[in-house]
């Protein structure tokens, strides 16, 4: 699965993981660091929104060594 770092404020370690590719977008798992615990959300992201986020720098692909372990 591909992982993308989410742009945030300060030293956040928020990221998004693509769970499944669909014809019109992706099922993604978004992991946000909320003061010491992980807030995990699974949702749909359209292809258009994904492309816009990449183009504007809101998300950027993470190398495999940078991935964070999540047991969810």
C-alpha atoms as a PDB file:
ATOM      1  CA  UNK A   1       0.000   0.000   0.000  1.00  0.00           C
ATOM      2  CA  UNK A   2       1.204   3.488  -0.819  1.00  0.00           C
ATOM      3  CA  UNK A   3       1.601   6.042   1.983  1.00  0.00           C
ATOM      4  CA  UNK A   4       1.424   9.826   1.698  1.00  0.00           C
ATOM      5  CA  UNK A   5       2.473  12.373   4.316  1.00  0.00           C
ATOM      6  CA  UNK A   6      -0.168  15.001   5.071  1.00  0.00           C
ATOM      7  CA  UNK A   7       0.856  18.627   5.301  1.00  0.00           C
ATOM      8  CA  UNK A   8       0.108  20.007   8.740  1.00  0.00           C
ATOM      9  CA  UNK A   9       1.191  22.462  11.354  1.00  0.00           C
ATOM     10  CA  UNK A  10       4.521  22.014  13.124  1.00  0.00           C
ATOM     11  CA  UNK A  11       6.025  18.555  13.505  1.00  0.00           C
ATOM     12  CA  UNK A  12       2.909  16.465  12.796  1.00  0.00           C
ATOM     13  CA  UNK A  13       3.285  12.872  11.679  1.00  0.00           C
ATOM     14  CA  UNK A  14      -0.107  12.587   9.996  1.00  0.00           C
ATOM     15  CA  UNK A  15      -0.317  10.371   6.950  1.00  0.00           C
ATOM     16  CA  UNK A  16      -2.698   8.699   4.530  1.00  0.00           C
ATOM     17  CA  UNK A  17      -2.533   5.127   3.286  1.00  0.00           C
ATOM     18  CA  UNK A  18      -4.272   3.937   0.119  1.00  0.00           C
ATOM     19  CA  UNK A  19      -6.306   0.860   1.017  1.00  0.00           C
ATOM     20  CA  UNK A  20      -7.980   0.204  -2.330  1.00  0.00           C
ATOM     21  CA  UNK A  21      -7.986   1.736  -5.833  1.00  0.00           C
ATOM     22  CA  UNK A  22     -11.446   2.185  -7.393  1.00  0.00           C
ATOM     23  CA  UNK A  23     -12.487   3.355 -10.865  1.00  0.00           C
ATOM     24  CA  UNK A  24     -13.257   6.896  -9.665  1.00  0.00           C
ATOM     25  CA  UNK A  25     -10.943   7.253  -6.665  1.00  0.00           C
ATOM     26  CA  UNK A  26      -9.495   5.551  -3.616  1.00  0.00           C
ATOM     27  CA  UNK A  27     -10.450   4.120  -0.256  1.00  0.00           C
ATOM     28  CA  UNK A  28      -7.941   5.706   2.129  1.00  0.00           C
ATOM     29  CA  UNK A  29      -7.009   5.360   5.788  1.00  0.00           C
ATOM     30  CA  UNK A  30      -6.039   8.687   7.353  1.00  0.00           C
ATOM     31  CA  UNK A  31      -3.955   8.551  10.537  1.00  0.00           C
ATOM     32  CA  UNK A  32      -3.612  11.729  12.603  1.00  0.00           C
ATOM     33  CA  UNK A  33      -1.503  12.117  15.736  1.00  0.00           C
ATOM     34  CA  UNK A  34      -3.817  13.634  18.350  1.00  0.00           C
ATOM     35  CA  UNK A  35      -1.684  14.458  21.410  1.00  0.00           C
ATOM     36  CA  UNK A  36      -0.221  10.998  21.823  1.00  0.00           C
ATOM     37  CA  UNK A  37      -2.914   8.782  20.335  1.00  0.00           C
ATOM     38  CA  UNK A  38      -3.812   7.992  16.731  1.00  0.00           C
ATOM     39  CA  UNK A  39      -7.123   9.145  15.262  1.00  0.00           C
ATOM     40  CA  UNK A  40      -7.777   6.734  12.374  1.00  0.00           C
ATOM     41  CA  UNK A  41     -10.414   7.403   9.721  1.00  0.00           C
ATOM     42  CA  UNK A  42     -11.273   5.353   6.637  1.00  0.00           C
ATOM     43  CA  UNK A  43     -12.965   7.243   3.804  1.00  0.00           C
ATOM     44  CA  UNK A  44     -13.370   7.648   0.037  1.00  0.00           C
ATOM     45  CA  UNK A  45     -11.204  10.155  -1.858  1.00  0.00           C
ATOM     46  CA  UNK A  46     -12.018  11.004  -5.465  1.00  0.00           C
ATOM     47  CA  UNK A  47      -9.285  10.836  -8.111  1.00  0.00           C
ATOM     48  CA  UNK A  48      -9.734  14.568  -8.773  1.00  0.00           C
ATOM     49  CA  UNK A  49      -9.235  15.485  -5.106  1.00  0.00           C
ATOM     50  CA  UNK A  50      -6.221  13.163  -4.837  1.00  0.00           C
ATOM     51  CA  UNK A  51      -4.591  14.751  -7.904  1.00  0.00           C
ATOM     52  CA  UNK A  52      -5.273  18.248  -6.545  1.00  0.00           C
ATOM     53  CA  UNK A  53      -3.720  17.383  -3.176  1.00  0.00           C
ATOM     54  CA  UNK A  54      -0.597  16.028  -4.894  1.00  0.00           C
ATOM     55  CA  UNK A  55      -0.300  19.053  -7.182  1.00  0.00           C
ATOM     56  CA  UNK A  56      -0.671  21.579  -4.346  1.00  0.00           C
ATOM     57  CA  UNK A  57       1.665  19.744  -1.972  1.00  0.00           C
ATOM     58  CA  UNK A  58      -0.960  18.917   0.663  1.00  0.00           C
ATOM     59  CA  UNK A  59       0.130  15.273   0.324  1.00  0.00           C
ATOM     60  CA  UNK A  60       3.476  13.868  -0.768  1.00  0.00           C
ATOM     61  CA  UNK A  61       4.499  10.265  -1.270  1.00  0.00           C
ATOM     62  CA  UNK A  62       6.500   8.719   1.551  1.00  0.00           C
ATOM     63  CA  UNK A  63       9.410   6.355   1.030  1.00  0.00           C
ATOM     64  CA  UNK A  64       8.974   2.908   2.589  1.00  0.00           C
ATOM     65  CA  UNK A  65      11.565   3.686   5.298  1.00  0.00           C
ATOM     66  CA  UNK A  66       9.470   6.657   6.458  1.00  0.00           C
ATOM     67  CA  UNK A  67       6.260   4.691   6.955  1.00  0.00           C
ATOM     68  CA  UNK A  68       4.771   4.584  10.395  1.00  0.00           C
ATOM     69  CA  UNK A  69       3.544   1.340  11.959  1.00  0.00           C
ATOM     70  CA  UNK A  70      -0.160   1.292  12.771  1.00  0.00           C
ATOM     71  CA  UNK A  71      -1.976  -1.669  14.200  1.00  0.00           C
ATOM     72  CA  UNK A  72      -5.487  -0.817  13.046  1.00  0.00           C
END
